[in-house]
Amino acid sequence: MKRMLSLILVALFAASLLGGCNTIRGAGQDIEEGGEAIQESSY
């Protein structure tokens, strides 16, 4: 029983880390697009 609970907790932790990576990647893309828009408007 303890082993099953431990495996479930590890799986949930790993899933939350992977979900966070997608969020950070999306934020990075948004920042990059904002920078490109500023760069284009300065021409």
N, C-alpha and C. Protein backbone atom coordinates (compact mmCIF):
# COMPACT_ATOMS: atom_id res chain seq x y z
N MET A 1 0.82 -1.20 0.00
CA MET A 1 0.00 0.00 0.00
C MET A 1 0.86 1.26 0.00
N LYS A 2 1.89 1.29 0.84
CA LYS A 2 2.76 2.46 0.90
C LYS A 2 3.51 2.64 -0.42
N ARG A 3 3.90 1.51 -1.03
CA ARG A 3 4.63 1.60 -2.29
C ARG A 3 3.74 2.21 -3.38
N MET A 4 2.48 1.80 -3.43
CA MET A 4 1.55 2.31 -4.43
C MET A 4 1.32 3.80 -4.22
N LEU A 5 1.16 4.23 -2.99
CA LEU A 5 0.97 5.64 -2.68
C LEU A 5 2.21 6.45 -3.08
N SER A 6 3.38 5.90 -2.82
CA SER A 6 4.63 6.58 -3.18
C SER A 6 4.74 6.73 -4.70
N LEU A 7 4.37 5.69 -5.44
CA LEU A 7 4.43 5.76 -6.90
C LEU A 7 3.45 6.80 -7.44
N ILE A 8 2.28 6.87 -6.85
CA ILE A 8 1.29 7.86 -7.28
C ILE A 8 1.79 9.28 -7.01
N LEU A 9 2.38 9.48 -5.84
CA LEU A 9 2.91 10.81 -5.51
C LEU A 9 4.05 11.22 -6.44
N VAL A 10 4.93 10.28 -6.76
CA VAL A 10 6.03 10.57 -7.68
C VAL A 10 5.48 10.90 -9.07
N ALA A 11 4.47 10.16 -9.52
CA ALA A 11 3.88 10.42 -10.83
C ALA A 11 3.22 11.80 -10.87
N LEU A 12 2.53 12.16 -9.82
CA LEU A 12 1.90 13.49 -9.78
C LEU A 12 2.94 14.61 -9.76
N PHE A 13 4.02 14.40 -9.02
CA PHE A 13 5.09 15.39 -8.97
C PHE A 13 5.73 15.56 -10.35
N ALA A 14 6.00 14.44 -11.03
CA ALA A 14 6.60 14.50 -12.36
C ALA A 14 5.67 15.20 -13.34
N ALA A 15 4.39 14.91 -13.25
CA ALA A 15 3.43 15.55 -14.15
C ALA A 15 3.37 17.05 -13.92
N SER A 16 3.45 17.47 -12.66
CA SER A 16 3.42 18.91 -12.38
C SER A 16 4.66 19.60 -12.90
N LEU A 17 5.81 18.94 -12.83
CA LEU A 17 7.04 19.53 -13.37
C LEU A 17 6.96 19.66 -14.88
N LEU A 18 6.45 18.65 -15.54
CA LEU A 18 6.34 18.71 -17.00
C LEU A 18 5.33 19.76 -17.43
N GLY A 19 4.27 19.90 -16.69
CA GLY A 19 3.29 20.95 -16.98
C GLY A 19 3.89 22.33 -16.81
N GLY A 20 4.74 22.49 -15.82
CA GLY A 20 5.41 23.77 -15.60
C GLY A 20 6.34 24.13 -16.74
N CYS A 21 6.98 23.15 -17.32
CA CYS A 21 7.88 23.41 -18.44
C CYS A 21 7.10 24.00 -19.61
N ASN A 22 5.93 23.47 -19.87
CA ASN A 22 5.12 24.01 -20.96
C ASN A 22 4.70 25.45 -20.68
N THR A 23 4.39 25.74 -19.44
CA THR A 23 3.99 27.10 -19.07
C THR A 23 5.16 28.06 -19.25
N ILE A 24 6.33 27.66 -18.81
CA ILE A 24 7.51 28.52 -18.94
C ILE A 24 7.87 28.71 -20.41
N ARG A 25 7.76 27.65 -21.20
CA ARG A 25 8.05 27.76 -22.63
C ARG A 25 7.08 28.73 -23.29
N GLY A 26 5.81 28.65 -22.94
CA GLY A 26 4.81 29.55 -23.51
C GLY A 26 5.08 30.99 -23.12
N ALA A 27 5.47 31.20 -21.88
CA ALA A 27 5.79 32.56 -21.44
C ALA A 27 6.99 33.10 -22.19
N GLY A 28 7.98 32.26 -22.41
CA GLY A 28 9.16 32.67 -23.16
C GLY A 28 8.81 33.05 -24.59
N GLN A 29 7.92 32.30 -25.20
CA GLN A 29 7.50 32.62 -26.56
C GLN A 29 6.74 33.94 -26.60
N ASP A 30 5.89 34.18 -25.60
CA ASP A 30 5.15 35.44 -25.55
C ASP A 30 6.10 36.63 -25.40
N ILE A 31 7.10 36.49 -24.55
CA ILE A 31 8.08 37.57 -24.36
C ILE A 31 8.86 37.81 -25.65
N GLU A 32 9.23 36.73 -26.32
CA GLU A 32 9.97 36.87 -27.58
C GLU A 32 9.13 37.58 -28.63
N GLU A 33 7.86 37.22 -28.74
CA GLU A 33 6.98 37.86 -29.71
C GLU A 33 6.78 39.34 -29.38
N GLY A 34 6.70 39.66 -28.09
CA GLY A 34 6.58 41.05 -27.69
C GLY A 34 7.81 41.85 -28.07
N GLY A 35 8.98 41.25 -27.88
CA GLY A 35 10.23 41.90 -28.27
C GLY A 35 10.32 42.12 -29.76
N GLU A 36 9.85 41.15 -30.53
CA GLU A 36 9.87 41.29 -31.98
C GLU A 36 8.93 42.41 -32.43
N ALA A 37 7.76 42.52 -31.77
CA ALA A 37 6.81 43.57 -32.13
C ALA A 37 7.41 44.96 -31.84
N ILE A 38 8.11 45.10 -30.73
CA ILE A 38 8.75 46.37 -30.39
C ILE A 38 9.84 46.68 -31.41
N GLN A 39 10.60 45.63 -31.77
CA GLN A 39 11.69 45.82 -32.74
C GLN A 39 11.14 46.26 -34.10
N GLU A 40 10.05 45.65 -34.54
CA GLU A 40 9.46 45.99 -35.84
C GLU A 40 8.88 47.40 -35.82
N SER A 41 8.32 47.82 -34.69
CA SER A 41 7.72 49.15 -34.65
C SER A 41 8.76 50.26 -34.60
N SER A 42 10.01 49.91 -34.30
CA SER A 42 11.04 50.94 -34.22
C SER A 42 11.66 51.26 -35.58
N TYR A 43 11.28 50.52 -36.61
CA TYR A 43 11.85 50.77 -37.95
C TYR A 43 11.22 51.95 -38.60
